[in-house]
N, C-alpha and C. Protein backbone atom coordinates (compact mmCIF):
# COMPACT_ATOMS: atom_id res chain seq x y z
N MET A 1 -6.52 -14.87 20.02
CA MET A 1 -7.45 -13.83 19.71
C MET A 1 -8.10 -13.34 21.01
N VAL A 2 -8.22 -12.02 21.10
CA VAL A 2 -8.85 -11.40 22.29
C VAL A 2 -10.35 -11.40 22.10
N GLU A 3 -11.07 -11.72 23.16
CA GLU A 3 -12.53 -11.65 23.15
C GLU A 3 -12.95 -10.24 23.65
N MET A 4 -13.76 -9.59 22.86
CA MET A 4 -14.26 -8.25 23.24
C MET A 4 -15.58 -8.04 22.52
N SER A 5 -16.60 -7.67 23.24
CA SER A 5 -17.89 -7.45 22.57
C SER A 5 -17.80 -6.25 21.66
N ARG A 6 -18.77 -6.13 20.75
CA ARG A 6 -18.80 -5.00 19.86
C ARG A 6 -18.92 -3.71 20.66
N ALA A 7 -19.76 -3.73 21.71
CA ALA A 7 -19.93 -2.53 22.50
C ALA A 7 -18.64 -2.12 23.21
N GLU A 8 -17.91 -3.08 23.73
CA GLU A 8 -16.60 -2.82 24.37
C GLU A 8 -15.62 -2.26 23.35
N PHE A 9 -15.62 -2.85 22.10
CA PHE A 9 -14.73 -2.35 21.08
C PHE A 9 -15.08 -0.95 20.66
N GLU A 10 -16.36 -0.66 20.50
CA GLU A 10 -16.78 0.67 20.14
C GLU A 10 -16.41 1.70 21.25
N GLU A 11 -16.46 1.25 22.49
CA GLU A 11 -15.99 2.10 23.60
C GLU A 11 -14.50 2.41 23.49
N ALA A 12 -13.73 1.40 23.09
CA ALA A 12 -12.28 1.59 22.88
C ALA A 12 -12.05 2.59 21.75
N VAL A 13 -12.84 2.52 20.71
CA VAL A 13 -12.69 3.50 19.60
C VAL A 13 -13.05 4.92 20.14
N SER A 14 -14.08 5.04 20.90
CA SER A 14 -14.47 6.32 21.46
C SER A 14 -13.35 6.86 22.36
N ASP A 15 -12.75 5.98 23.17
CA ASP A 15 -11.63 6.37 24.02
C ASP A 15 -10.44 6.84 23.17
N GLY A 16 -10.20 6.15 22.05
CA GLY A 16 -9.14 6.55 21.12
C GLY A 16 -9.39 7.96 20.57
N LEU A 17 -10.66 8.25 20.27
CA LEU A 17 -11.02 9.56 19.74
C LEU A 17 -10.76 10.64 20.84
N ASP A 18 -11.03 10.24 22.10
CA ASP A 18 -10.84 11.22 23.19
C ASP A 18 -9.39 11.58 23.36
N LEU A 19 -8.46 10.77 22.87
CA LEU A 19 -7.02 11.07 22.93
C LEU A 19 -6.57 12.11 21.93
N VAL A 20 -7.40 12.36 20.93
CA VAL A 20 -7.06 13.36 19.94
C VAL A 20 -7.27 14.75 20.52
N PRO A 21 -6.25 15.60 20.44
CA PRO A 21 -6.38 16.96 21.03
C PRO A 21 -7.61 17.70 20.44
N PRO A 22 -8.33 18.39 21.33
CA PRO A 22 -9.53 19.12 20.90
C PRO A 22 -9.29 20.10 19.74
N GLU A 23 -8.10 20.70 19.69
CA GLU A 23 -7.81 21.63 18.61
C GLU A 23 -7.77 20.92 17.24
N LEU A 24 -7.46 19.59 17.23
CA LEU A 24 -7.46 18.82 16.01
C LEU A 24 -8.87 18.40 15.69
N THR A 25 -9.64 17.89 16.70
CA THR A 25 -10.96 17.44 16.39
C THR A 25 -11.86 18.61 15.89
N ALA A 26 -11.55 19.82 16.35
CA ALA A 26 -12.31 20.97 15.93
C ALA A 26 -12.03 21.28 14.44
N GLN A 27 -10.86 20.83 13.93
CA GLN A 27 -10.53 21.06 12.55
C GLN A 27 -11.04 19.94 11.65
N MET A 28 -11.51 18.85 12.23
CA MET A 28 -12.02 17.75 11.38
C MET A 28 -13.33 18.22 10.75
N ASP A 29 -13.41 18.03 9.44
CA ASP A 29 -14.56 18.56 8.74
C ASP A 29 -15.26 17.46 7.93
N ASN A 30 -16.53 17.24 8.24
CA ASN A 30 -17.38 16.31 7.48
C ASN A 30 -16.77 14.92 7.47
N VAL A 31 -16.54 14.37 8.66
CA VAL A 31 -15.92 13.05 8.78
C VAL A 31 -16.71 12.26 9.85
N VAL A 32 -16.92 10.96 9.58
CA VAL A 32 -17.61 10.06 10.49
C VAL A 32 -16.66 8.92 10.82
N VAL A 33 -16.73 8.44 12.03
CA VAL A 33 -15.89 7.30 12.46
C VAL A 33 -16.85 6.12 12.72
N LEU A 34 -16.54 5.01 12.07
CA LEU A 34 -17.39 3.84 12.14
C LEU A 34 -16.60 2.62 12.62
N VAL A 35 -17.31 1.61 13.09
CA VAL A 35 -16.72 0.30 13.42
C VAL A 35 -17.35 -0.74 12.53
N GLU A 36 -16.55 -1.53 11.89
CA GLU A 36 -17.03 -2.67 11.10
C GLU A 36 -16.30 -3.94 11.62
N ASP A 37 -16.92 -5.08 11.40
CA ASP A 37 -16.28 -6.27 11.88
C ASP A 37 -15.07 -6.68 11.04
N GLU A 38 -15.17 -6.58 9.75
CA GLU A 38 -14.09 -6.99 8.85
C GLU A 38 -13.89 -5.98 7.75
N PRO A 39 -12.65 -5.88 7.19
CA PRO A 39 -12.44 -5.00 6.06
C PRO A 39 -13.20 -5.50 4.81
N PRO A 40 -13.51 -4.59 3.87
CA PRO A 40 -14.17 -5.05 2.67
C PRO A 40 -13.25 -6.04 1.87
N GLU A 41 -13.89 -6.99 1.20
CA GLU A 41 -13.09 -7.96 0.47
C GLU A 41 -12.20 -7.32 -0.59
N ASP A 42 -12.66 -6.25 -1.18
CA ASP A 42 -11.86 -5.61 -2.22
C ASP A 42 -10.71 -4.75 -1.68
N SER A 43 -10.52 -4.72 -0.35
CA SER A 43 -9.40 -4.01 0.21
C SER A 43 -8.09 -4.69 -0.07
N GLY A 44 -8.19 -6.02 -0.26
CA GLY A 44 -6.97 -6.78 -0.55
C GLY A 44 -6.15 -7.10 0.70
N ASP A 45 -6.65 -6.70 1.86
CA ASP A 45 -5.87 -6.90 3.07
C ASP A 45 -6.82 -7.33 4.22
N PRO A 46 -6.93 -8.62 4.45
CA PRO A 46 -7.85 -9.11 5.55
C PRO A 46 -7.36 -8.69 6.90
N ASP A 47 -6.11 -8.21 7.03
CA ASP A 47 -5.55 -7.79 8.32
C ASP A 47 -5.61 -6.31 8.55
N LEU A 48 -6.30 -5.58 7.68
CA LEU A 48 -6.40 -4.13 7.75
C LEU A 48 -7.08 -3.74 9.04
N LEU A 49 -6.47 -2.85 9.82
CA LEU A 49 -7.00 -2.44 11.12
C LEU A 49 -7.90 -1.20 10.97
N GLY A 50 -7.62 -0.39 10.02
CA GLY A 50 -8.39 0.88 9.83
C GLY A 50 -8.28 1.37 8.41
N LEU A 51 -9.23 2.20 8.02
CA LEU A 51 -9.28 2.70 6.64
C LEU A 51 -9.86 4.08 6.63
N TYR A 52 -9.18 5.00 5.93
CA TYR A 52 -9.71 6.32 5.70
C TYR A 52 -10.17 6.40 4.24
N GLU A 53 -11.41 6.83 4.04
CA GLU A 53 -11.95 7.03 2.71
C GLU A 53 -12.53 8.43 2.65
N GLY A 54 -11.99 9.17 1.73
CA GLY A 54 -12.46 10.56 1.57
C GLY A 54 -11.41 11.44 0.87
N THR A 55 -11.64 12.72 0.99
CA THR A 55 -10.74 13.70 0.43
C THR A 55 -10.04 14.41 1.56
N PRO A 56 -8.70 14.27 1.67
CA PRO A 56 -7.99 14.91 2.76
C PRO A 56 -8.18 16.41 2.75
N LEU A 57 -8.12 17.04 3.90
CA LEU A 57 -8.28 18.47 3.97
C LEU A 57 -7.34 19.23 3.07
N THR A 58 -6.15 18.69 2.90
CA THR A 58 -5.13 19.35 2.06
C THR A 58 -5.45 19.33 0.57
N GLU A 59 -6.39 18.50 0.19
CA GLU A 59 -6.78 18.40 -1.24
C GLU A 59 -8.13 19.01 -1.55
N ARG A 60 -8.76 19.56 -0.57
CA ARG A 60 -10.09 20.15 -0.80
C ARG A 60 -9.95 21.59 -1.27
N ASP A 61 -10.81 21.95 -2.20
CA ASP A 61 -10.96 23.37 -2.56
C ASP A 61 -12.48 23.67 -2.78
N SER A 62 -12.79 24.71 -3.43
CA SER A 62 -14.18 25.21 -3.48
C SER A 62 -15.13 24.15 -4.05
N TRP A 63 -14.71 23.29 -4.99
CA TRP A 63 -15.59 22.31 -5.58
C TRP A 63 -16.01 21.21 -4.59
N TRP A 64 -15.20 21.04 -3.57
CA TRP A 64 -15.37 19.88 -2.70
C TRP A 64 -16.69 19.95 -1.92
N ALA A 65 -17.08 21.04 -1.37
CA ALA A 65 -18.21 21.12 -0.45
C ALA A 65 -19.56 20.84 -1.11
N ALA A 66 -19.65 21.05 -2.40
CA ALA A 66 -20.97 20.92 -3.07
C ALA A 66 -21.43 19.46 -3.11
N GLY A 67 -22.26 19.09 -2.14
CA GLY A 67 -22.87 17.76 -2.13
C GLY A 67 -21.94 16.63 -1.75
N SER A 68 -20.82 16.92 -1.11
CA SER A 68 -19.90 15.85 -0.78
C SER A 68 -20.40 15.06 0.41
N LEU A 69 -20.27 13.74 0.29
CA LEU A 69 -20.58 12.83 1.43
C LEU A 69 -19.48 12.99 2.48
N PRO A 70 -19.80 12.62 3.72
CA PRO A 70 -18.75 12.67 4.73
C PRO A 70 -17.60 11.70 4.45
N ASP A 71 -16.40 12.14 4.82
CA ASP A 71 -15.28 11.22 4.83
C ASP A 71 -15.57 10.15 5.85
N ARG A 72 -15.00 8.93 5.63
CA ARG A 72 -15.23 7.81 6.55
C ARG A 72 -13.92 7.31 7.11
N ILE A 73 -13.89 7.17 8.38
CA ILE A 73 -12.80 6.43 9.06
C ILE A 73 -13.46 5.22 9.64
N THR A 74 -12.96 4.06 9.19
CA THR A 74 -13.52 2.76 9.67
C THR A 74 -12.44 2.02 10.44
N ILE A 75 -12.80 1.55 11.62
CA ILE A 75 -11.90 0.74 12.42
C ILE A 75 -12.47 -0.67 12.42
N PHE A 76 -11.60 -1.64 12.09
CA PHE A 76 -12.06 -3.02 11.88
C PHE A 76 -11.78 -3.87 13.15
N ARG A 77 -12.88 -4.37 13.69
CA ARG A 77 -12.85 -5.12 14.98
C ARG A 77 -12.13 -6.44 14.83
N GLY A 78 -12.49 -7.27 13.84
CA GLY A 78 -11.94 -8.62 13.68
C GLY A 78 -10.40 -8.65 13.60
N PRO A 79 -9.84 -7.91 12.61
CA PRO A 79 -8.39 -7.94 12.50
C PRO A 79 -7.67 -7.42 13.76
N THR A 80 -8.27 -6.41 14.39
CA THR A 80 -7.66 -5.85 15.61
C THR A 80 -7.61 -6.88 16.71
N LEU A 81 -8.76 -7.60 16.92
CA LEU A 81 -8.83 -8.58 17.99
C LEU A 81 -7.89 -9.77 17.67
N ARG A 82 -7.74 -10.12 16.41
CA ARG A 82 -6.79 -11.22 16.07
C ARG A 82 -5.36 -10.79 16.19
N PHE A 83 -5.05 -9.55 15.97
CA PHE A 83 -3.70 -9.02 16.02
C PHE A 83 -3.16 -8.88 17.44
N CYS A 84 -4.04 -8.58 18.36
CA CYS A 84 -3.64 -8.28 19.75
C CYS A 84 -3.71 -9.48 20.65
N GLU A 85 -2.96 -9.44 21.73
CA GLU A 85 -2.86 -10.57 22.66
C GLU A 85 -3.52 -10.27 23.99
N SER A 86 -3.98 -9.05 24.20
CA SER A 86 -4.63 -8.72 25.48
C SER A 86 -5.62 -7.55 25.23
N ARG A 87 -6.53 -7.38 26.21
CA ARG A 87 -7.48 -6.25 26.11
C ARG A 87 -6.72 -4.95 26.14
N GLU A 88 -5.69 -4.83 26.92
CA GLU A 88 -4.91 -3.62 27.00
C GLU A 88 -4.26 -3.30 25.69
N GLU A 89 -3.75 -4.35 25.02
CA GLU A 89 -3.15 -4.16 23.73
C GLU A 89 -4.17 -3.73 22.67
N VAL A 90 -5.41 -4.24 22.78
CA VAL A 90 -6.50 -3.82 21.86
C VAL A 90 -6.74 -2.33 22.04
N ILE A 91 -6.88 -1.89 23.28
CA ILE A 91 -7.15 -0.51 23.55
C ILE A 91 -6.05 0.39 23.01
N GLU A 92 -4.79 0.00 23.22
CA GLU A 92 -3.65 0.76 22.70
C GLU A 92 -3.66 0.76 21.16
N GLU A 93 -3.87 -0.39 20.55
CA GLU A 93 -3.85 -0.48 19.07
C GLU A 93 -4.99 0.31 18.45
N VAL A 94 -6.13 0.27 19.05
CA VAL A 94 -7.28 1.05 18.55
C VAL A 94 -6.94 2.55 18.60
N ALA A 95 -6.35 3.00 19.69
CA ALA A 95 -5.99 4.42 19.80
C ALA A 95 -4.99 4.79 18.68
N VAL A 96 -3.98 3.95 18.46
CA VAL A 96 -2.98 4.24 17.39
C VAL A 96 -3.67 4.25 16.04
N THR A 97 -4.56 3.30 15.80
CA THR A 97 -5.26 3.22 14.51
C THR A 97 -6.13 4.44 14.30
N VAL A 98 -6.87 4.87 15.32
CA VAL A 98 -7.72 6.04 15.22
C VAL A 98 -6.86 7.28 14.83
N VAL A 99 -5.78 7.49 15.53
CA VAL A 99 -4.91 8.63 15.27
C VAL A 99 -4.33 8.52 13.86
N HIS A 100 -3.92 7.32 13.46
CA HIS A 100 -3.37 7.08 12.10
C HIS A 100 -4.37 7.50 11.04
N GLU A 101 -5.61 7.06 11.16
CA GLU A 101 -6.61 7.34 10.15
C GLU A 101 -7.02 8.82 10.18
N ILE A 102 -7.09 9.44 11.34
CA ILE A 102 -7.34 10.87 11.40
C ILE A 102 -6.21 11.66 10.69
N ALA A 103 -5.00 11.19 10.86
CA ALA A 103 -3.89 11.87 10.20
C ALA A 103 -4.10 11.88 8.70
N HIS A 104 -4.61 10.76 8.13
CA HIS A 104 -4.90 10.74 6.71
C HIS A 104 -5.90 11.78 6.32
N HIS A 105 -6.90 12.06 7.17
CA HIS A 105 -7.88 13.12 6.95
C HIS A 105 -7.18 14.47 6.81
N PHE A 106 -6.09 14.63 7.55
CA PHE A 106 -5.34 15.89 7.53
C PHE A 106 -4.27 15.90 6.44
N GLY A 107 -4.25 14.83 5.63
CA GLY A 107 -3.31 14.80 4.47
C GLY A 107 -1.93 14.22 4.77
N ILE A 108 -1.78 13.53 5.88
CA ILE A 108 -0.48 12.96 6.24
C ILE A 108 -0.45 11.52 5.70
N ASP A 109 0.57 11.19 4.90
CA ASP A 109 0.62 9.88 4.28
C ASP A 109 1.29 8.87 5.17
N ASP A 110 1.21 7.57 4.75
CA ASP A 110 1.76 6.48 5.55
C ASP A 110 3.25 6.65 5.83
N GLU A 111 4.01 7.07 4.83
CA GLU A 111 5.45 7.23 5.02
C GLU A 111 5.74 8.19 6.17
N ARG A 112 5.08 9.32 6.16
CA ARG A 112 5.29 10.30 7.22
C ARG A 112 4.82 9.81 8.57
N LEU A 113 3.71 9.10 8.58
CA LEU A 113 3.19 8.51 9.83
C LEU A 113 4.21 7.51 10.43
N HIS A 114 4.85 6.70 9.57
CA HIS A 114 5.87 5.79 10.06
C HIS A 114 7.03 6.55 10.64
N GLU A 115 7.43 7.63 9.99
CA GLU A 115 8.55 8.44 10.49
C GLU A 115 8.23 9.00 11.88
N LEU A 116 6.92 9.35 12.08
CA LEU A 116 6.51 9.93 13.34
C LEU A 116 6.18 8.91 14.39
N GLY A 117 6.26 7.59 14.06
CA GLY A 117 6.03 6.53 15.02
C GLY A 117 4.54 6.12 15.13
N TRP A 118 3.73 6.52 14.12
CA TRP A 118 2.31 6.18 14.12
C TRP A 118 1.99 5.23 12.95
N GLY A 119 2.96 4.45 12.52
CA GLY A 119 2.76 3.63 11.34
C GLY A 119 2.05 2.35 11.59
């Protein structure tokens, strides 16, 4: 397991967000990116690295905006640190996870992400 403080991990998440092209981040609508230590117990996957919760842009229509809470992208620190073998690998894996979860915000499913090499 890699040792990394919460602040260092949050910085890695921020760096991952910086890799997303500005034209895409400008299209992100009503979404927040969070860091949690562990996935929720009801996720069924203690090794989950990230989670998108919300309504993808491709599924939104006029009803969506009325009182909708922000979509949430959560990156999980514990599973990521246990999965990786070095700080460099953590930084790389966080970047991949951030891009993966943002893709879900844009309506891209896991199957397509795997085809594109972001699985």
